[in-house]
Amino acid sequence: MLFAGIDGGGTKTKGALMNGNLEVLNVVNVGGSNFQSIGVKKAKERFEELLNRLIEPFNMNLSEIDFVYFGIAGADRPKDFEIIDGFLKELGLKAYDFHNDGWIALKSGTVDGVGILVTLGTGSVAFGMNKKNEWKRIGGFWGLLGDWLGGYSLASKAISAAQRGKDERGFPTILYNKLRNFLNVDSLLDLIEYEYYDFEGKNDLRQKAIGIIKTLFECAEEFDGVALEIVWEAAKEILKTIDILYKSLFDEGEPFKLVLEGSVLKARYKSLTNMLENALKSKYDVELIYPDHDPVVGALMLAAENLGMKNVERKIIEGYLEYQKQKGVIS
């Protein structure tokens, strides 16, 4: 028996192949696969590339994989599900199913799939599921539709606040010099060049977003008021989102699991972590989960379920972590 799980995100796509003994045979990463960003043709090609690379070492055909479960960014509306199903059918798979990528991340963290997920990495999304299999998703779209979270948004706010402090439109902040040193520029005004259409390093600033965010949290942990205000605004947005999902899916006072995913939340920056945990534990009966494995594990669990395998979730996690240990990979 062979099955695969795929986590198709906006910036990267990860796939894992597992056998009936719950041993991971291969893990592959390719670029983003959200058809809303790259188009249907490119999204299909991205999944084809990943699947073929998964089986490449084993001299086999895709039809020999018994089941593939996809978690896909961009699976948001009924129309999106129709589009995605249309191009997945063309891949020549024996059997498959898919859902929004938030679902596999929630499954990966909670095992039973019941609870709330908040992801904050380069982007952000929140997803919840209750015991009745009722689900709701918030965010993960774009700024025009009200998304104020995500690494790029936090990085932009940090740079903006630093410059406003420098030219006295905002409050003084150590962010300015810290960011200037990190970005190796004489002035943050030099960043204007990144907006030039023909500037060689046009994409470099986005690639430095994680470092900018790290600088923001360093300043917050030095009690810089401006940095703390940005972090608190992010925390409030997360807390509002959790409250909406909780009220929509759970009864008042009902305990729930909260999975905190993505590079920003899993970094456990002290200021943001403390703000969230203090507020959450004062209001809810909540179990906080910071997974030590990737969301693609949730896709593997769901593929196994579709094959009739029961009570194997913990073994799937163990098999995945063992593979990572052997390859020297850290989630």
Protein backbone atom coordinates (compact mmCIF):
# COMPACT_ATOMS: atom_id res chain seq x y z
CA MET A 1 0.00 0.00 0.00
CA LEU A 2 1.19 3.51 -0.86
CA PHE A 3 -0.38 6.86 -0.05
CA ALA A 4 0.67 10.48 -0.30
CA GLY A 5 -0.15 13.77 1.38
CA ILE A 6 0.34 17.15 -0.26
CA ASP A 7 0.34 20.61 1.31
CA GLY A 8 -0.18 23.05 -1.54
CA GLY A 9 0.58 26.54 -0.31
CA GLY A 10 0.88 29.95 -1.89
CA THR A 11 4.68 30.13 -1.64
CA LYS A 12 5.68 26.45 -1.45
CA THR A 13 4.22 22.98 -1.90
CA LYS A 14 5.33 19.93 0.09
CA GLY A 15 4.52 16.30 -0.63
CA ALA A 16 5.21 13.12 1.36
CA LEU A 17 4.95 9.49 0.24
CA MET A 18 4.29 6.78 2.82
CA ASN A 19 3.88 2.99 2.70
CA GLY A 20 1.54 0.64 4.56
CA ASN A 21 4.12 0.18 7.30
CA LEU A 22 3.81 3.93 7.95
CA GLU A 23 7.36 4.61 6.80
CA VAL A 24 7.97 7.84 4.90
CA LEU A 25 9.66 6.98 1.61
CA ASN A 26 10.20 10.45 0.20
CA VAL A 27 9.49 14.12 0.86
CA VAL A 28 9.64 16.72 -1.92
CA ASN A 29 9.29 20.51 -2.00
CA VAL A 30 8.40 22.63 -5.02
CA GLY A 31 7.10 26.17 -5.50
CA GLY A 32 3.66 27.55 -4.70
CA SER A 33 0.56 25.93 -6.18
CA ASN A 34 -2.31 28.33 -5.47
CA PHE A 35 -4.12 28.58 -8.81
CA GLN A 36 -5.48 32.00 -7.80
CA SER A 37 -1.90 33.31 -7.88
CA ILE A 38 -0.25 31.31 -10.67
CA GLY A 39 -3.16 30.15 -12.82
CA VAL A 40 -4.77 26.76 -13.38
CA LYS A 41 -2.23 25.54 -15.96
CA LYS A 42 0.76 26.33 -13.76
CA ALA A 43 -0.91 24.90 -10.64
CA LYS A 44 -1.57 21.60 -12.41
CA GLU A 45 2.04 21.50 -13.66
CA ARG A 46 3.30 22.20 -10.13
CA PHE A 47 1.38 19.24 -8.69
CA GLU A 48 2.50 17.01 -11.57
CA GLU A 49 6.11 17.99 -10.92
CA LEU A 50 5.81 17.23 -7.21
CA LEU A 51 4.08 13.87 -7.67
CA ASN A 52 6.54 12.71 -10.30
CA ARG A 53 9.47 13.69 -8.11
CA LEU A 54 7.93 11.79 -5.18
CA ILE A 55 7.88 8.51 -7.13
CA GLU A 56 10.99 9.13 -9.26
CA PRO A 57 13.38 7.05 -7.07
CA PHE A 58 11.09 4.02 -7.15
CA ASN A 59 10.53 3.37 -10.87
CA MET A 60 6.73 3.42 -10.57
CA ASN A 61 3.66 5.14 -12.02
CA LEU A 62 1.36 7.63 -10.33
CA SER A 63 -1.51 5.14 -10.67
CA GLU A 64 0.31 2.88 -8.21
CA ILE A 65 -0.29 5.35 -5.36
CA ASP A 66 -3.47 4.08 -3.71
CA PHE A 67 -4.63 7.48 -2.41
CA VAL A 68 -3.46 11.10 -2.49
CA TYR A 69 -4.89 13.76 -0.17
CA PHE A 70 -4.31 17.41 -1.06
CA GLY A 71 -4.57 20.45 1.20
CA ILE A 72 -4.72 23.33 -1.27
CA ALA A 73 -4.43 27.08 -0.79
CA GLY A 74 -7.11 28.69 -2.92
CA ALA A 75 -9.79 26.09 -2.11
CA ASP A 76 -12.06 28.71 -0.60
CA ARG A 77 -15.39 28.92 -2.45
CA PRO A 78 -17.56 26.29 -4.17
CA LYS A 79 -16.34 27.70 -7.48
CA ASP A 80 -12.73 27.13 -6.41
CA PHE A 81 -13.46 23.51 -5.50
CA GLU A 82 -14.89 22.92 -8.99
CA ILE A 83 -11.83 24.44 -10.66
CA ILE A 84 -9.37 22.47 -8.53
CA ASP A 85 -11.23 19.19 -8.97
CA GLY A 86 -11.20 19.82 -12.71
CA PHE A 87 -7.43 19.89 -13.01
CA LEU A 88 -6.74 17.24 -10.35
CA LYS A 89 -8.83 14.80 -12.41
CA GLU A 90 -6.31 15.22 -15.22
CA LEU A 91 -3.37 13.99 -13.13
CA GLY A 92 -4.15 10.31 -13.67
CA LEU A 93 -4.36 9.41 -9.98
CA LYS A 94 -5.98 6.19 -8.76
CA ALA A 95 -7.93 8.01 -6.02
CA TYR A 96 -7.71 11.41 -4.35
CA ASP A 97 -9.53 14.01 -2.29
CA PHE A 98 -8.76 17.59 -1.28
CA HIS A 99 -9.75 20.45 0.97
CA ASN A 100 -8.43 23.86 1.98
CA ASP A 101 -4.86 23.75 3.30
CA GLY A 102 -6.11 25.02 6.66
CA TRP A 103 -7.91 21.70 7.20
CA ILE A 104 -4.78 19.56 6.90
CA ALA A 105 -2.90 21.89 9.25
CA LEU A 106 -5.70 21.64 11.81
CA LYS A 107 -5.79 17.84 11.43
CA SER A 108 -2.02 17.66 11.78
CA GLY A 109 -2.05 19.60 15.04
CA THR A 110 -5.16 18.19 16.72
CA VAL A 111 -5.17 14.63 15.27
CA ASP A 112 -8.98 14.41 15.59
CA GLY A 113 -9.44 17.51 13.40
CA VAL A 114 -11.62 19.34 15.92
CA GLY A 115 -10.49 22.80 17.01
CA ILE A 116 -9.18 26.06 15.63
CA LEU A 117 -6.07 26.75 13.58
CA VAL A 118 -4.31 30.08 13.19
CA THR A 119 -1.39 30.25 10.78
CA LEU A 120 0.92 33.25 10.69
CA GLY A 121 3.91 32.93 8.39
CA THR A 122 4.52 34.86 5.20
CA GLY A 123 0.72 34.98 4.96
CA SER A 124 -2.05 34.13 7.40
CA VAL A 125 -5.23 32.07 7.57
CA ALA A 126 -7.57 30.79 10.28
CA PHE A 127 -9.69 27.66 10.08
CA GLY A 128 -12.01 25.89 12.48
CA MET A 129 -13.91 22.58 12.59
CA ASN A 130 -16.31 21.24 15.22
CA LYS A 131 -17.50 17.73 16.09
CA LYS A 132 -20.39 18.06 13.61
CA ASN A 133 -17.86 18.55 10.79
CA GLU A 134 -19.05 22.13 10.39
CA TRP A 135 -16.17 24.34 9.33
CA LYS A 136 -15.35 27.98 8.83
CA ARG A 137 -12.34 29.75 7.39
CA ILE A 138 -11.31 33.38 7.90
CA GLY A 139 -8.65 35.29 5.99
CA GLY A 140 -5.91 34.03 3.75
CA PHE A 141 -7.09 36.23 0.91
CA TRP A 142 -5.40 39.63 0.47
CA GLY A 143 -5.24 43.10 1.94
CA LEU A 144 -8.07 44.47 -0.19
CA LEU A 145 -10.39 41.94 1.49
CA GLY A 146 -9.33 42.83 5.03
CA ASP A 147 -6.26 40.65 5.65
CA TRP A 148 -3.96 42.63 7.93
CA LEU A 149 -1.84 39.75 9.18
CA GLY A 150 0.99 37.79 7.60
CA GLY A 151 4.72 38.26 7.61
CA TYR A 152 4.80 40.66 4.68
CA SER A 153 2.18 42.85 6.32
CA LEU A 154 4.07 42.90 9.65
CA ALA A 155 7.33 43.71 7.86
CA SER A 156 5.66 46.55 5.98
CA LYS A 157 4.18 47.97 9.19
CA ALA A 158 7.57 47.83 10.90
CA ILE A 159 9.31 49.73 8.08
CA SER A 160 6.45 52.25 7.86
CA ALA A 161 6.46 52.92 11.62
CA ALA A 162 10.24 53.30 11.65
CA GLN A 163 10.18 55.89 8.85
CA ARG A 164 7.25 57.77 10.39
CA GLY A 165 9.19 57.96 13.65
CA LYS A 166 12.26 59.24 11.82
CA ASP A 167 10.45 62.09 10.06
CA GLU A 168 8.33 62.85 13.18
CA ARG A 169 4.95 61.81 11.75
CA GLY A 170 5.05 59.05 14.36
CA PHE A 171 6.64 58.37 17.73
CA PRO A 172 10.41 57.87 18.12
CA THR A 173 11.48 54.24 17.89
CA ILE A 174 14.63 52.14 17.91
CA LEU A 175 13.15 50.31 14.92
CA TYR A 176 14.68 52.82 12.52
CA ASN A 177 18.34 52.16 13.29
CA LYS A 178 17.81 48.47 13.89
CA LEU A 179 16.16 48.02 10.49
CA ARG A 180 18.68 50.25 8.77
CA ASN A 181 21.51 48.08 10.13
CA PHE A 182 19.74 44.83 9.23
CA LEU A 183 18.98 45.97 5.69
CA ASN A 184 22.45 47.49 5.30
CA VAL A 185 21.21 50.86 4.02
CA ASP A 186 22.21 54.39 4.98
CA SER A 187 18.58 55.45 5.12
CA LEU A 188 15.26 53.62 4.91
CA LEU A 189 14.49 55.99 2.05
CA ASP A 190 16.92 53.89 0.03
CA LEU A 191 14.23 51.22 0.00
CA ILE A 192 12.38 53.30 -2.60
CA GLU A 193 14.69 51.67 -5.16
CA TYR A 194 13.01 48.33 -4.47
CA GLU A 195 9.89 49.73 -6.12
CA TYR A 196 11.67 50.55 -9.38
CA TYR A 197 10.35 48.23 -12.09
CA ASP A 198 13.84 47.45 -13.38
CA PHE A 199 15.70 47.25 -10.05
CA GLU A 200 17.81 44.05 -9.92
CA GLY A 201 17.01 43.29 -6.29
CA LYS A 202 13.28 44.00 -6.59
CA ASN A 203 12.33 40.72 -4.87
CA ASP A 204 15.05 40.90 -2.22
CA LEU A 205 12.98 42.93 0.24
CA ARG A 206 10.21 40.32 0.32
CA GLN A 207 12.82 37.62 0.89
CA LYS A 208 14.12 39.60 3.86
CA ALA A 209 10.68 39.76 5.48
CA ILE A 210 11.52 37.12 8.13
CA GLY A 211 14.60 39.09 9.20
CA ILE A 212 12.57 42.31 9.36
CA ILE A 213 9.98 40.54 11.53
CA LYS A 214 12.71 39.18 13.80
CA THR A 215 14.03 42.74 14.19
CA LEU A 216 10.51 43.95 15.03
CA PHE A 217 10.20 41.40 17.85
CA GLU A 218 13.71 42.15 19.13
CA CYS A 219 12.63 45.79 19.50
CA ALA A 220 9.39 44.75 21.20
CA GLU A 221 11.36 42.70 23.69
CA GLU A 222 13.46 45.79 24.43
CA PHE A 223 10.13 47.45 25.34
CA ASP A 224 10.08 49.78 22.35
CA GLY A 225 6.58 51.26 22.45
CA VAL A 226 6.11 51.48 18.68
CA ALA A 227 7.19 47.87 18.15
CA LEU A 228 4.98 46.69 21.02
CA GLU A 229 2.02 48.53 19.50
CA ILE A 230 2.50 46.71 16.17
CA VAL A 231 2.74 43.37 17.97
CA TRP A 232 -0.35 44.15 20.05
CA GLU A 233 -2.33 45.07 16.90
CA ALA A 234 -1.35 41.68 15.42
CA ALA A 235 -2.31 39.92 18.66
CA LYS A 236 -5.71 41.65 18.71
CA GLU A 237 -6.39 40.59 15.12
CA ILE A 238 -5.55 36.98 15.99
CA LEU A 239 -7.72 37.09 19.13
CA LYS A 240 -10.69 38.57 17.21
CA THR A 241 -10.38 35.85 14.59
CA ILE A 242 -10.29 33.09 17.20
CA ASP A 243 -13.34 34.58 18.93
CA ILE A 244 -15.34 34.64 15.68
CA LEU A 245 -14.47 31.00 14.91
CA TYR A 246 -15.20 29.89 18.48
CA LYS A 247 -18.63 31.56 18.58
CA SER A 248 -19.49 30.15 15.14
CA LEU A 249 -18.49 26.54 15.84
CA PHE A 250 -18.48 25.84 19.59
CA ASP A 251 -20.85 26.21 22.53
CA GLU A 252 -20.11 28.78 25.21
CA GLY A 253 -17.63 27.32 27.70
CA GLU A 254 -16.79 24.34 25.49
CA PRO A 255 -13.09 23.37 25.69
CA PHE A 256 -11.17 23.44 22.41
CA LYS A 257 -7.73 22.92 20.92
CA LEU A 258 -5.94 25.83 19.29
CA VAL A 259 -3.19 25.03 16.78
CA LEU A 260 -0.67 27.83 16.25
CA GLU A 261 1.18 27.34 12.96
CA GLY A 262 3.49 29.25 10.65
CA SER A 263 7.00 30.60 11.04
CA VAL A 264 6.02 33.67 13.12
CA LEU A 265 3.89 31.82 15.69
CA LYS A 266 6.17 28.78 15.94
CA ALA A 267 9.16 31.08 16.59
CA ARG A 268 7.46 31.74 19.97
CA TYR A 269 8.49 35.40 20.13
CA LYS A 270 8.03 36.26 23.78
CA SER A 271 5.98 39.45 23.37
CA LEU A 272 3.41 37.98 20.97
CA THR A 273 3.27 34.60 22.73
CA ASN A 274 2.65 36.17 26.14
CA MET A 275 0.00 38.55 24.80
CA LEU A 276 -1.90 35.70 23.15
CA GLU A 277 -1.56 33.14 25.92
CA ASN A 278 -2.55 35.55 28.70
CA ALA A 279 -5.64 36.73 26.82
CA LEU A 280 -6.70 33.26 25.67
CA LYS A 281 -6.31 31.51 29.00
CA SER A 282 -8.25 34.25 30.81
CA LYS A 283 -11.27 33.72 28.53
CA TYR A 284 -11.33 30.12 27.26
CA ASP A 285 -10.72 26.54 28.33
CA VAL A 286 -8.11 26.10 25.61
CA GLU A 287 -5.23 23.74 24.87
CA LEU A 288 -2.50 25.51 22.91
CA ILE A 289 -0.62 23.38 20.38
CA TYR A 290 2.60 24.35 18.62
CA PRO A 291 3.19 21.35 16.28
CA ASP A 292 6.73 19.96 15.94
CA HIS A 293 5.92 18.58 12.49
CA ASP A 294 4.72 19.98 9.16
CA PRO A 295 1.04 20.38 8.12
CA VAL A 296 1.62 17.84 5.32
CA VAL A 297 1.36 15.22 8.08
CA GLY A 298 -2.35 16.06 8.28
CA ALA A 299 -2.71 15.23 4.58
CA LEU A 300 -1.04 11.86 5.22
CA MET A 301 -3.49 11.19 8.07
CA LEU A 302 -6.45 11.98 5.83
CA ALA A 303 -5.11 9.80 3.00
CA ALA A 304 -4.75 6.92 5.47
CA GLU A 305 -8.32 7.48 6.72
CA ASN A 306 -9.62 7.29 3.16
CA LEU A 307 -7.90 3.90 2.83
CA GLY A 308 -9.70 2.62 5.92
CA MET A 309 -6.68 2.76 8.23
CA LYS A 310 -7.72 3.49 11.80
CA ASN A 311 -5.90 4.90 14.84
CA VAL A 312 -2.65 5.42 12.92
CA GLU A 313 -2.29 9.17 13.36
CA ARG A 314 0.40 9.03 16.07
CA LYS A 315 2.37 6.47 14.10
CA ILE A 316 2.21 8.69 11.02
CA ILE A 317 3.63 11.58 13.06
CA GLU A 318 6.38 9.32 14.41
CA GLY A 319 7.19 8.03 10.93
CA TYR A 320 7.43 11.55 9.55
CA LEU A 321 9.62 12.81 12.41
CA GLU A 322 11.89 9.76 12.04
CA TYR A 323 12.33 10.51 8.34
CA GLN A 324 13.21 14.13 9.14
CA LYS A 325 15.68 12.99 11.80
CA GLN A 326 17.40 10.69 9.32
CA LYS A 327 17.60 13.50 6.76
CA GLY A 328 18.70 16.09 9.33
CA VAL A 329 15.65 18.27 8.69
CA ILE A 330 14.05 20.56 11.29
CA SER A 331 10.35 21.52 10.89
